[in-house]
Protein backbone atom coordinates (compact mmCIF):
# COMPACT_ATOMS: atom_id res chain seq x y z
CA UNK A 1 -25.31 -6.13 -1.87
CA UNK A 2 -27.36 -6.58 -5.03
CA UNK A 3 -25.84 -6.23 -8.50
CA UNK A 4 -27.55 -2.86 -9.02
CA UNK A 5 -26.30 -1.62 -5.63
CA UNK A 6 -22.79 -2.79 -6.46
CA UNK A 7 -22.81 -1.08 -9.85
CA UNK A 8 -24.06 2.10 -8.21
CA UNK A 9 -21.27 1.89 -5.61
CA UNK A 10 -18.64 1.36 -8.31
CA UNK A 11 -20.01 4.30 -10.29
CA UNK A 12 -20.04 6.50 -7.17
CA UNK A 13 -16.42 5.66 -6.39
CA UNK A 14 -15.40 6.25 -10.02
CA UNK A 15 -17.08 9.68 -10.11
CA UNK A 16 -15.63 10.69 -6.75
CA UNK A 17 -12.10 9.52 -7.54
CA UNK A 18 -12.16 11.13 -10.98
CA UNK A 19 -13.12 14.39 -9.32
CA UNK A 20 -10.32 14.04 -6.76
CA UNK A 21 -7.76 13.38 -9.51
CA UNK A 22 -8.96 16.41 -11.47
CA UNK A 23 -9.15 18.73 -8.45
CA UNK A 24 -5.87 17.82 -6.77
CA UNK A 25 -3.80 16.79 -9.82
CA UNK A 26 -2.60 13.66 -8.07
CA UNK A 27 -1.81 12.13 -11.47
CA UNK A 28 0.83 14.76 -12.15
CA UNK A 29 2.76 13.71 -9.10
CA UNK A 30 2.83 10.06 -10.06
CA UNK A 31 5.40 11.06 -12.66
CA UNK A 32 7.85 11.55 -9.80
CA UNK A 33 8.00 7.80 -9.40
CA UNK A 34 9.23 7.45 -12.94
CA UNK A 35 12.88 6.88 -13.70
CA UNK A 36 13.33 4.45 -10.83
CA UNK A 37 12.94 1.41 -13.06
CA UNK A 38 15.54 0.73 -15.74
CA UNK A 39 15.62 -1.61 -18.74
CA UNK A 40 18.90 -3.12 -20.01
CA UNK A 41 19.70 -1.63 -23.43
CA UNK A 42 23.20 -2.62 -24.54
CA UNK A 43 26.70 -3.76 -23.61
CA UNK A 44 29.53 -1.73 -25.14
CA UNK A 45 33.18 -0.89 -24.61
CA UNK A 46 34.08 1.56 -21.90
CA UNK A 47 34.51 5.20 -23.00
CA UNK A 48 36.34 7.69 -20.75
CA UNK A 49 33.67 9.52 -18.76
CA UNK A 50 31.43 6.45 -18.29
CA UNK A 51 30.40 5.60 -14.74
CA UNK A 52 32.82 3.09 -13.23
CA UNK A 53 29.92 1.45 -11.40
CA UNK A 54 28.39 0.53 -14.81
CA UNK A 55 31.37 -1.68 -15.72
CA UNK A 56 30.42 -5.32 -16.27
CA UNK A 57 33.39 -6.98 -14.59
CA UNK A 58 32.60 -10.49 -15.82
CA UNK A 59 32.64 -9.43 -19.49
CA UNK A 60 35.66 -7.15 -18.85
CA UNK A 61 37.62 -10.09 -17.44
CA UNK A 62 36.70 -12.38 -20.37
CA UNK A 63 37.45 -9.80 -23.08
CA UNK A 64 40.55 -8.30 -21.51
CA UNK A 65 39.25 -4.73 -21.86
CA UNK A 66 36.50 -2.82 -20.01
CA UNK A 67 32.86 -3.05 -21.03
CA UNK A 68 29.89 -1.20 -19.52
CA UNK A 69 26.18 -1.98 -19.32
CA UNK A 70 23.86 0.72 -20.59
CA UNK A 71 20.29 1.15 -19.39
CA UNK A 72 17.30 3.24 -20.38
CA UNK A 73 14.45 4.46 -18.26
CA UNK A 74 11.25 2.48 -18.49
CA UNK A 75 8.65 4.33 -20.52
CA UNK A 76 5.89 3.09 -18.27
CA UNK A 77 5.53 1.66 -14.81
CA UNK A 78 3.18 -0.80 -13.18
CA UNK A 79 1.32 0.25 -10.07
CA UNK A 80 0.26 -2.52 -7.69
CA UNK A 81 -2.54 -1.92 -5.21
CA UNK A 82 -2.08 -4.42 -2.37
CA UNK A 83 -5.28 -4.17 -0.32
CA UNK A 84 -5.95 -5.88 3.01
CA UNK A 85 -9.45 -7.42 2.94
CA UNK A 86 -9.20 -9.26 6.26
CA UNK A 87 -12.12 -9.16 8.69
CA UNK A 88 -10.88 -5.99 10.42
CA UNK A 89 -11.25 -4.06 7.15
CA UNK A 90 -15.03 -4.37 7.47
CA UNK A 91 -15.02 -2.14 10.56
CA UNK A 92 -16.24 1.44 10.31
CA UNK A 93 -17.52 3.64 13.12
CA UNK A 94 -18.59 6.44 10.78
CA UNK A 95 -20.15 6.52 7.31
CA UNK A 96 -17.76 4.08 5.64
CA UNK A 97 -15.73 1.01 6.49
CA UNK A 98 -11.98 0.86 6.14
CA UNK A 99 -12.45 -1.34 3.09
CA UNK A 100 -14.70 1.25 1.40
CA UNK A 101 -12.17 3.92 2.34
CA UNK A 102 -9.37 1.82 0.85
CA UNK A 103 -11.36 1.47 -2.39
CA UNK A 104 -11.64 5.26 -2.69
CA UNK A 105 -7.92 5.83 -2.06
CA UNK A 106 -6.88 2.98 -4.36
CA UNK A 107 -9.35 4.13 -7.02
CA UNK A 108 -7.80 7.61 -6.95
CA UNK A 109 -4.33 6.14 -7.35
CA UNK A 110 -5.46 3.80 -10.14
CA UNK A 111 -7.09 6.58 -12.15
CA UNK A 112 -3.99 8.74 -11.63
CA UNK A 113 -1.82 5.93 -12.96
CA UNK A 114 -4.13 5.45 -15.93
CA UNK A 115 -3.80 9.16 -16.74
CA UNK A 116 -0.02 8.65 -16.80
CA UNK A 117 -0.40 5.64 -19.15
CA UNK A 118 0.79 3.24 -16.46
CA UNK A 119 -0.61 -0.24 -15.89
CA UNK A 120 -2.37 -1.12 -12.64
CA UNK A 121 -2.52 -4.45 -10.80
CA UNK A 122 -4.58 -5.50 -7.79
CA UNK A 123 -3.74 -7.86 -4.94
CA UNK A 124 -6.40 -8.63 -2.35
CA UNK A 125 -5.07 -10.49 0.66
CA UNK A 126 -5.97 -11.81 4.11
CA UNK A 127 -3.64 -14.34 5.70
CA UNK A 128 -3.40 -15.74 2.18
CA UNK A 129 -3.52 -14.32 -1.32
CA UNK A 130 -7.22 -14.00 -2.15
CA UNK A 131 -7.12 -12.42 -5.63
CA UNK A 132 -4.44 -11.18 -8.00
CA UNK A 133 -5.20 -9.27 -11.19
CA UNK A 134 -2.00 -8.63 -13.23
CA UNK A 135 -1.09 -5.14 -14.49
CA UNK A 136 -3.28 -3.87 -17.32
CA UNK A 137 -4.51 -0.59 -18.75
CA UNK A 138 -7.94 0.76 -19.63
CA UNK A 139 -11.08 2.10 -17.98
CA UNK A 140 -12.79 -1.30 -17.97
CA UNK A 141 -9.86 -2.75 -16.03
CA UNK A 142 -9.92 0.11 -13.51
CA UNK A 143 -13.66 -0.37 -12.97
CA UNK A 144 -13.11 -4.08 -12.38
CA UNK A 145 -10.46 -3.28 -9.77
CA UNK A 146 -12.87 -0.97 -7.94
CA UNK A 147 -15.64 -3.56 -8.15
CA UNK A 148 -13.42 -6.29 -6.70
CA UNK A 149 -12.22 -4.03 -3.89
CA UNK A 150 -15.81 -3.32 -2.89
CA UNK A 151 -17.47 -6.71 -3.36
CA UNK A 152 -14.92 -9.54 -3.23
CA UNK A 153 -15.76 -12.09 -0.54
CA UNK A 154 -12.51 -13.34 1.06
CA UNK A 155 -12.21 -16.94 2.19
CA UNK A 156 -10.14 -16.16 5.29
CA UNK A 157 -10.37 -13.62 8.14
CA UNK A 158 -6.77 -13.12 9.31
CA UNK A 159 -3.91 -10.94 8.06
CA UNK A 160 -0.45 -11.91 6.81
CA UNK A 161 1.33 -8.96 5.20
CA UNK A 162 4.71 -10.73 4.73
CA UNK A 163 3.06 -13.55 2.76
CA UNK A 164 1.29 -11.05 0.48
CA UNK A 165 4.52 -9.18 -0.24
CA UNK A 166 6.48 -12.40 -0.77
CA UNK A 167 3.88 -13.34 -3.40
CA UNK A 168 4.37 -9.99 -5.17
CA UNK A 169 8.13 -10.45 -5.16
CA UNK A 170 7.62 -13.76 -6.98
CA UNK A 171 5.19 -12.53 -9.65
CA UNK A 172 6.51 -9.01 -10.37
CA UNK A 173 9.44 -9.25 -12.76
CA UNK A 174 9.88 -5.52 -13.34
CA UNK A 175 10.27 -2.73 -10.84
CA UNK A 176 6.82 -1.48 -9.81
CA UNK A 177 5.15 0.99 -7.47
CA UNK A 178 3.46 -0.94 -4.65
CA UNK A 179 0.84 0.79 -2.52
CA UNK A 180 0.11 -1.33 0.56
CA UNK A 181 -3.28 -0.43 2.08
CA UNK A 182 -3.90 -1.99 5.50
CA UNK A 183 -4.77 -1.10 9.10
CA UNK A 184 -1.67 -2.81 10.58
CA UNK A 185 -3.81 -3.93 13.53
CA UNK A 186 -2.26 -7.38 13.69
CA UNK A 187 1.36 -6.37 13.14
CA UNK A 188 2.65 -6.48 16.70
CA UNK A 189 5.78 -7.82 18.39
CA UNK A 190 9.49 -7.40 17.58
CA UNK A 191 9.72 -5.89 14.08
CA UNK A 192 6.02 -6.82 13.87
CA UNK A 193 6.83 -10.49 13.36
CA UNK A 194 3.79 -12.66 12.76
CA UNK A 195 3.66 -16.24 14.06
CA UNK A 196 4.51 -18.75 11.37
CA UNK A 197 5.02 -16.02 8.78
CA UNK A 198 8.81 -16.17 8.54
CA UNK A 199 10.18 -12.66 8.21
CA UNK A 200 8.52 -9.83 10.13
CA UNK A 201 6.26 -7.28 8.48
CA UNK A 202 8.72 -4.39 8.49
CA UNK A 203 11.57 -6.60 7.27
CA UNK A 204 9.46 -7.96 4.39
CA UNK A 205 8.30 -4.46 3.44
CA UNK A 206 11.95 -3.33 3.47
CA UNK A 207 12.99 -6.19 1.19
CA UNK A 208 10.12 -5.44 -1.19
CA UNK A 209 11.04 -1.75 -1.15
CA UNK A 210 14.58 -2.65 -2.24
CA UNK A 211 13.16 -4.37 -5.35
CA UNK A 212 10.25 -2.09 -6.04
CA UNK A 213 8.94 1.20 -4.64
CA UNK A 214 6.70 0.64 -1.61
CA UNK A 215 4.38 3.18 -0.01
CA UNK A 216 2.43 2.05 3.05
CA UNK A 217 -1.03 3.56 3.46
CA UNK A 218 -2.17 3.01 7.02
CA UNK A 219 -5.98 3.02 7.29
CA UNK A 220 -7.14 4.13 10.71
CA UNK A 221 -10.61 4.43 12.23
CA UNK A 222 -10.84 6.94 15.11
CA UNK A 223 -12.74 4.44 17.25
CA UNK A 224 -9.58 2.29 17.31
CA UNK A 225 -7.90 4.95 19.45
CA UNK A 226 -10.68 6.22 21.69
CA UNK A 227 -13.53 4.56 23.56
CA UNK A 228 -16.96 6.16 23.97
CA UNK A 229 -18.45 6.49 27.46
CA UNK A 230 -20.99 3.72 27.00
CA UNK A 231 -20.82 1.56 30.13
CA UNK A 232 -20.04 -2.14 29.84
CA UNK A 233 -18.81 -3.06 26.35
CA UNK A 234 -17.92 -6.38 24.76
CA UNK A 235 -15.22 -5.91 22.12
CA UNK A 236 -14.63 -8.64 19.56
CA UNK A 237 -11.45 -9.11 17.55
CA UNK A 238 -12.88 -9.46 14.05
CA UNK A 239 -10.06 -11.73 12.89
CA UNK A 240 -9.61 -14.07 15.86
CA UNK A 241 -13.08 -13.94 17.44
CA UNK A 242 -11.52 -13.16 20.84
CA UNK A 243 -13.89 -11.29 23.18
CA UNK A 244 -12.94 -8.65 25.74
CA UNK A 245 -15.35 -7.08 28.22
CA UNK A 246 -14.53 -3.60 29.51
CA UNK A 247 -16.23 -0.88 31.52
CA UNK A 248 -15.98 2.20 29.32
CA UNK A 249 -17.66 4.38 31.94
CA UNK A 250 -14.39 4.40 33.93
CA UNK A 251 -12.02 7.19 32.91
CA UNK A 252 -8.98 5.04 33.80
CA UNK A 253 -10.10 2.35 31.34
CA UNK A 254 -10.63 4.86 28.54
CA UNK A 255 -7.26 6.47 29.25
CA UNK A 256 -5.45 3.13 29.23
CA UNK A 257 -7.12 2.17 25.96
CA UNK A 258 -6.10 5.48 24.37
CA UNK A 259 -2.51 5.27 25.68
CA UNK A 260 -2.07 1.67 24.49
CA UNK A 261 -3.20 2.55 20.99
CA UNK A 262 -1.15 5.75 20.90
CA UNK A 263 1.96 3.72 21.72
CA UNK A 264 1.02 1.16 19.05
CA UNK A 265 0.86 3.89 16.42
CA UNK A 266 4.11 5.47 17.67
CA UNK A 267 5.87 2.08 17.52
CA UNK A 268 4.65 1.59 13.97
CA UNK A 269 5.92 5.04 12.97
CA UNK A 270 9.32 4.46 14.58
CA UNK A 271 9.77 1.09 12.85
CA UNK A 272 8.97 2.47 9.40
CA UNK A 273 11.12 5.56 9.96
CA UNK A 274 14.11 3.39 10.93
CA UNK A 275 13.54 1.23 7.85
CA UNK A 276 13.23 4.26 5.55
CA UNK A 277 9.77 3.25 4.34
CA UNK A 278 7.34 5.92 3.13
CA UNK A 279 4.14 5.77 5.17
CA UNK A 280 0.89 7.71 5.11
CA UNK A 281 -1.79 7.42 7.81
CA UNK A 282 -5.31 8.26 6.69
CA UNK A 283 -8.28 8.47 9.06
CA UNK A 284 -11.69 7.37 7.82
CA UNK A 285 -13.02 10.55 9.47
CA UNK A 286 -10.99 12.90 7.27
CA UNK A 287 -10.48 13.61 3.54
CA UNK A 288 -7.29 12.14 2.09
CA UNK A 289 -6.71 13.84 -1.27
CA UNK A 290 -4.80 16.89 -0.06
CA UNK A 291 -2.56 14.78 2.18
CA UNK A 292 -1.84 12.49 -0.77
CA UNK A 293 -1.01 15.47 -2.94
CA UNK A 294 1.31 16.87 -0.24
CA UNK A 295 3.07 13.51 -0.05
CA UNK A 296 3.85 13.55 -3.78
CA UNK A 297 5.08 17.13 -3.53
CA UNK A 298 7.39 16.19 -0.63
CA UNK A 299 8.63 13.18 -2.54
CA UNK A 300 9.34 15.33 -5.57
CA UNK A 301 11.42 17.66 -3.39
CA UNK A 302 13.43 14.73 -2.00
CA UNK A 303 14.22 13.43 -5.49
CA UNK A 304 15.38 16.87 -6.65
CA UNK A 305 17.52 17.31 -3.55
C-alpha cells in the first residue's frame, strides 16, 4: 500500500466511523461505562451512616477509632483497543479483511470515546506485543491509531491473547475500558489454554476484567463456518502454515466442517457466559453499528437494574 493509498484508507475509515457515531449515537452510550473507576480522595473519621465496607481497618486499629476511605468517580476514563494483528486477521472472503473490519469497529469506538473526552490507547498484538500507544486525546492521535491498525506490519504470525492482556495489566495503572478485537481462532482446548502461555485465554480475560472493564469483540468471517462447493481444496492455517486438503464437493465434508465450527463458536460462548464476560460477535458480512448500539443499551439497563 502506497502512502497516498494509506492516507485515503485512513480518511475513508474516519469519514465512515464519524458517520456511524453521528447516526447511531454510540458515543452517548459510552457514558454508561463511567463511574466504574474510582480515585482515592480522603481518609476521615467514621460518621454514622457511612458504609461499613469503606472502613480502613488498618488505620482504625492504629488510631483506636474508626476511619473510612472516601473515593470520587474518575472524571475521565481511558479506552484501550487491543487488536489482534496475527496472520489470520488478514483473511477476508468478502470486500474486507478481518483486520480492516477491526479498524472500522475500533475507529468507531475511538471517536465515540473522544466525543466523551476520554483518552484512547492502542495495543497491537500477535503472539507478542507488537505496538503499544499509551492513552491520549485528540483527532491527530485517533488518526494515528487508525493508520497503525490498517498499515502496521507485525513481526510475528501467531496469536497469544493471555500475553497481550498480561502486558496491559502491567502498564495500565488506572481502571480502563478494554475492547479486545480478535477472531479467537487459536483459542482452543480446556479454558482455551495456549501452549506455553501460562493461564488460559478465558482465565486471563477474567482476571483483566476484574481490574478493568473488558468487552470481547469476536470478529468472524462467514467462510470460517461454511465451505463452498468447489471440489478439491487446500486450506492453509495462516499462522502455523499447516496445510489440509479436503474434497468440498462432498456434502458430508461440508457438513462436518460446518458442525465443527458451530461447536467451536458454541464452546466459546459458553466459556464467556460462565465467566461473566461481555462478548459481541460481528460478521464481516454484516453491519455492526446497530448491534453495538443495542449492546450499550442493554448494558445501561443492567447497570440501572
